[in-house]
């Protein structure tokens, strides 16, 4: 896919498409002269990548739980009585 095909397919701007391709290249998911080819992973590389993705997902879950806990604590500290703002 070219950058322009990506922009049309995903309805995003060319800068966003270029940034996405750069990110995928940095993560090793795309390879080639311009990052245009899906990287072929060997089975050990695939297992390692799956392990990395699972660890990242676990980290994100922990972070989301912590953020939800913090949000609940903040909500409990807010005065009750609606959403009106003090002036």
N, C-alpha and C. Protein backbone atom coordinates (compact mmCIF):
# COMPACT_ATOMS: atom_id res chain seq x y z
N UNK A 1 0.83 -1.19 0.00
CA UNK A 1 0.00 0.00 0.00
C UNK A 1 0.87 1.24 0.00
N UNK A 2 0.50 2.18 -0.80
CA UNK A 2 1.22 3.46 -0.77
C UNK A 2 0.64 4.33 0.33
N UNK A 3 1.34 5.39 0.65
CA UNK A 3 0.85 6.33 1.65
C UNK A 3 -0.51 6.88 1.25
N UNK A 4 -0.68 7.13 -0.03
CA UNK A 4 -1.95 7.69 -0.50
C UNK A 4 -3.09 6.67 -0.41
N UNK A 5 -2.77 5.41 -0.66
CA UNK A 5 -3.79 4.37 -0.48
C UNK A 5 -4.17 4.23 0.99
N UNK A 6 -3.19 4.37 1.86
CA UNK A 6 -3.45 4.32 3.30
C UNK A 6 -4.37 5.48 3.70
N UNK A 7 -4.09 6.68 3.19
CA UNK A 7 -4.92 7.83 3.54
C UNK A 7 -6.36 7.63 3.10
N UNK A 8 -6.55 7.09 1.92
CA UNK A 8 -7.91 6.85 1.42
C UNK A 8 -8.60 5.74 2.19
N UNK A 9 -7.88 4.65 2.43
CA UNK A 9 -8.47 3.49 3.09
C UNK A 9 -8.90 3.80 4.51
N UNK A 10 -8.05 4.53 5.24
CA UNK A 10 -8.32 4.78 6.65
C UNK A 10 -8.84 6.20 6.92
N UNK A 11 -9.05 6.97 5.86
CA UNK A 11 -9.59 8.32 5.96
C UNK A 11 -8.78 9.17 6.95
N UNK A 12 -7.46 9.20 6.71
CA UNK A 12 -6.56 10.01 7.53
C UNK A 12 -5.71 10.87 6.61
N UNK A 13 -5.02 11.83 7.16
CA UNK A 13 -4.15 12.70 6.38
C UNK A 13 -2.83 12.03 6.04
N UNK A 14 -2.12 12.61 5.07
CA UNK A 14 -0.85 12.02 4.64
C UNK A 14 0.20 12.07 5.74
N UNK A 15 0.18 13.11 6.56
CA UNK A 15 1.14 13.18 7.67
C UNK A 15 0.89 12.06 8.68
N UNK A 16 -0.39 11.80 8.96
CA UNK A 16 -0.73 10.73 9.90
C UNK A 16 -0.34 9.37 9.32
N UNK A 17 -0.55 9.20 8.00
CA UNK A 17 -0.18 7.94 7.35
C UNK A 17 1.33 7.74 7.41
N UNK A 18 2.08 8.79 7.13
CA UNK A 18 3.54 8.69 7.17
C UNK A 18 4.02 8.38 8.59
N UNK A 19 3.41 9.02 9.58
CA UNK A 19 3.78 8.77 10.97
C UNK A 19 3.47 7.32 11.36
N UNK A 20 2.34 6.81 10.90
CA UNK A 20 1.97 5.42 11.20
C UNK A 20 2.97 4.45 10.58
N UNK A 21 3.36 4.71 9.34
CA UNK A 21 4.34 3.83 8.67
C UNK A 21 5.67 3.90 9.41
N UNK A 22 6.10 5.09 9.81
CA UNK A 22 7.36 5.22 10.56
C UNK A 22 7.30 4.43 11.87
N UNK A 23 6.14 4.51 12.55
CA UNK A 23 5.97 3.79 13.81
C UNK A 23 6.04 2.28 13.59
N UNK A 24 5.38 1.80 12.53
CA UNK A 24 5.41 0.36 12.23
C UNK A 24 6.81 -0.10 11.85
N UNK A 25 7.56 0.74 11.15
CA UNK A 25 8.95 0.42 10.83
C UNK A 25 9.77 0.37 12.11
N UNK A 26 9.58 1.35 13.00
CA UNK A 26 10.32 1.40 14.27
C UNK A 26 10.02 0.17 15.13
N UNK A 27 8.79 -0.34 15.06
CA UNK A 27 8.42 -1.52 15.83
C UNK A 27 8.83 -2.82 15.14
N UNK A 28 9.39 -2.70 13.93
CA UNK A 28 9.85 -3.87 13.22
C UNK A 28 8.77 -4.64 12.49
N UNK A 29 7.57 -4.07 12.41
CA UNK A 29 6.47 -4.76 11.73
C UNK A 29 6.53 -4.59 10.22
N UNK A 30 7.11 -3.48 9.77
CA UNK A 30 7.30 -3.26 8.34
C UNK A 30 8.78 -3.18 8.07
N UNK A 31 9.16 -3.60 6.88
CA UNK A 31 10.57 -3.56 6.49
C UNK A 31 10.65 -3.29 5.00
N UNK A 32 11.82 -3.05 4.51
CA UNK A 32 12.00 -2.80 3.09
C UNK A 32 12.61 -1.44 2.85
N UNK A 33 12.81 -1.12 1.59
CA UNK A 33 13.48 0.14 1.28
C UNK A 33 12.71 1.36 1.80
N UNK A 34 11.42 1.28 1.86
CA UNK A 34 10.64 2.39 2.38
C UNK A 34 9.63 1.90 3.41
N UNK A 35 9.89 0.78 4.03
CA UNK A 35 8.97 0.27 5.04
C UNK A 35 7.68 -0.22 4.45
N UNK A 36 7.72 -0.67 3.21
CA UNK A 36 6.49 -1.01 2.53
C UNK A 36 6.16 -2.50 2.56
N UNK A 37 6.98 -3.30 3.19
CA UNK A 37 6.77 -4.73 3.18
C UNK A 37 6.55 -5.24 4.60
N UNK A 38 5.62 -6.14 4.76
CA UNK A 38 5.39 -6.73 6.07
C UNK A 38 6.60 -7.60 6.38
N UNK A 39 7.12 -7.44 7.56
CA UNK A 39 8.30 -8.18 7.96
C UNK A 39 7.95 -9.65 8.18
N UNK A 40 8.78 -10.54 7.66
CA UNK A 40 8.59 -11.98 7.86
C UNK A 40 9.30 -12.38 9.14
N UNK A 41 8.55 -12.87 10.09
CA UNK A 41 9.14 -13.30 11.35
C UNK A 41 9.31 -14.80 11.37
N UNK A 42 10.42 -15.26 11.90
CA UNK A 42 10.62 -16.68 12.12
C UNK A 42 9.76 -17.08 13.32
N UNK A 43 9.49 -18.36 13.51
CA UNK A 43 8.69 -18.78 14.67
C UNK A 43 9.23 -18.27 16.01
N UNK A 44 10.56 -18.34 16.26
CA UNK A 44 11.04 -17.78 17.54
C UNK A 44 10.78 -16.26 17.64
N UNK A 45 10.93 -15.55 16.53
CA UNK A 45 10.66 -14.11 16.54
C UNK A 45 9.17 -13.85 16.79
N UNK A 46 8.31 -14.67 16.20
CA UNK A 46 6.87 -14.53 16.40
C UNK A 46 6.52 -14.75 17.87
N UNK A 47 7.10 -15.78 18.49
CA UNK A 47 6.83 -16.04 19.90
C UNK A 47 7.31 -14.88 20.78
N UNK A 48 8.51 -14.37 20.46
CA UNK A 48 9.05 -13.25 21.22
C UNK A 48 8.14 -12.02 21.08
N UNK A 49 7.67 -11.76 19.86
CA UNK A 49 6.79 -10.60 19.62
C UNK A 49 5.46 -10.77 20.34
N UNK A 50 4.90 -11.97 20.32
CA UNK A 50 3.65 -12.22 21.03
C UNK A 50 3.86 -12.00 22.53
N UNK A 51 4.98 -12.47 23.06
CA UNK A 51 5.28 -12.27 24.47
C UNK A 51 5.39 -10.77 24.79
N UNK A 52 6.07 -10.02 23.91
CA UNK A 52 6.18 -8.57 24.12
C UNK A 52 4.81 -7.90 24.10
N UNK A 53 3.97 -8.30 23.15
CA UNK A 53 2.64 -7.70 23.05
C UNK A 53 1.77 -8.05 24.26
N UNK A 54 1.90 -9.27 24.76
CA UNK A 54 1.15 -9.65 25.96
C UNK A 54 1.61 -8.83 27.16
N UNK A 55 2.92 -8.65 27.30
CA UNK A 55 3.44 -7.85 28.40
C UNK A 55 2.94 -6.41 28.30
N UNK A 56 2.95 -5.87 27.09
CA UNK A 56 2.48 -4.49 26.89
C UNK A 56 1.00 -4.38 27.22
N UNK A 57 0.21 -5.37 26.78
CA UNK A 57 -1.22 -5.38 27.09
C UNK A 57 -1.45 -5.44 28.59
N UNK A 58 -0.67 -6.25 29.27
CA UNK A 58 -0.78 -6.36 30.73
C UNK A 58 -0.43 -5.03 31.40
N UNK A 59 0.64 -4.39 30.94
CA UNK A 59 1.01 -3.07 31.47
C UNK A 59 -0.10 -2.06 31.25
N UNK A 60 -0.70 -2.07 30.06
CA UNK A 60 -1.78 -1.13 29.77
C UNK A 60 -3.00 -1.40 30.63
N UNK A 61 -3.31 -2.69 30.86
CA UNK A 61 -4.43 -3.02 31.75
C UNK A 61 -4.19 -2.48 33.15
N UNK A 62 -2.97 -2.70 33.68
CA UNK A 62 -2.64 -2.19 35.01
C UNK A 62 -2.76 -0.67 35.06
N UNK A 63 -2.27 -0.01 34.03
CA UNK A 63 -2.35 1.45 33.97
C UNK A 63 -3.81 1.92 33.92
N UNK A 64 -4.63 1.23 33.12
CA UNK A 64 -6.04 1.60 33.02
C UNK A 64 -6.74 1.42 34.37
N UNK A 65 -6.45 0.33 35.07
CA UNK A 65 -7.06 0.11 36.39
C UNK A 65 -6.66 1.20 37.38
N UNK A 66 -5.39 1.57 37.34
CA UNK A 66 -4.91 2.63 38.23
C UNK A 66 -5.60 3.96 37.90
N UNK A 67 -5.75 4.27 36.63
CA UNK A 67 -6.43 5.50 36.23
C UNK A 67 -7.89 5.48 36.65
N UNK A 68 -8.55 4.33 36.53
CA UNK A 68 -9.95 4.24 36.97
C UNK A 68 -10.06 4.41 38.47
N UNK A 69 -9.12 3.82 39.23
CA UNK A 69 -9.11 4.01 40.68
C UNK A 69 -8.92 5.48 41.05
N UNK A 70 -7.99 6.13 40.39
CA UNK A 70 -7.74 7.54 40.64
C UNK A 70 -8.97 8.38 40.30
N UNK A 71 -9.62 8.08 39.18
CA UNK A 71 -10.82 8.81 38.79
C UNK A 71 -11.92 8.63 39.83
N UNK A 72 -12.09 7.40 40.35
CA UNK A 72 -13.11 7.16 41.39
C UNK A 72 -12.80 7.96 42.64
N UNK A 73 -11.52 7.98 43.04
CA UNK A 73 -11.13 8.74 44.23
C UNK A 73 -11.44 10.23 44.05
N UNK A 74 -11.13 10.75 42.88
CA UNK A 74 -11.40 12.17 42.60
C UNK A 74 -12.89 12.43 42.62
N UNK A 75 -13.68 11.55 42.00
CA UNK A 75 -15.13 11.70 41.97
C UNK A 75 -15.71 11.69 43.39
N UNK A 76 -15.16 10.85 44.27
CA UNK A 76 -15.65 10.78 45.64
C UNK A 76 -15.34 12.05 46.42
N UNK A 77 -14.28 12.73 46.05
CA UNK A 77 -13.90 13.97 46.74
C UNK A 77 -14.70 15.18 46.25
N UNK A 78 -15.33 15.05 45.08
CA UNK A 78 -16.10 16.17 44.53
C UNK A 78 -17.37 16.37 45.35
N UNK A 79 -17.80 17.63 45.49
CA UNK A 79 -19.05 17.87 46.19
C UNK A 79 -20.23 17.29 45.41
N UNK A 80 -21.23 16.82 46.12
CA UNK A 80 -22.40 16.27 45.46
C UNK A 80 -23.36 17.42 45.14
N UNK A 81 -24.34 17.13 44.29
CA UNK A 81 -25.33 18.15 43.99
C UNK A 81 -25.34 18.57 42.53
N UNK A 82 -24.91 17.74 41.65
CA UNK A 82 -25.01 18.06 40.23
C UNK A 82 -23.69 18.49 39.64
N UNK A 83 -23.81 18.94 38.41
CA UNK A 83 -22.62 19.32 37.65
C UNK A 83 -22.45 20.82 37.56
N UNK A 84 -23.14 21.59 38.38
CA UNK A 84 -23.01 23.06 38.28
C UNK A 84 -21.63 23.48 38.77
N UNK A 85 -21.12 24.53 38.13
CA UNK A 85 -19.79 25.03 38.47
C UNK A 85 -19.94 26.21 39.43
N UNK A 86 -19.01 26.31 40.37
CA UNK A 86 -18.99 27.45 41.28
C UNK A 86 -18.46 28.67 40.54
N UNK A 87 -19.02 29.80 40.81
CA UNK A 87 -18.56 31.03 40.16
C UNK A 87 -17.95 31.98 41.14
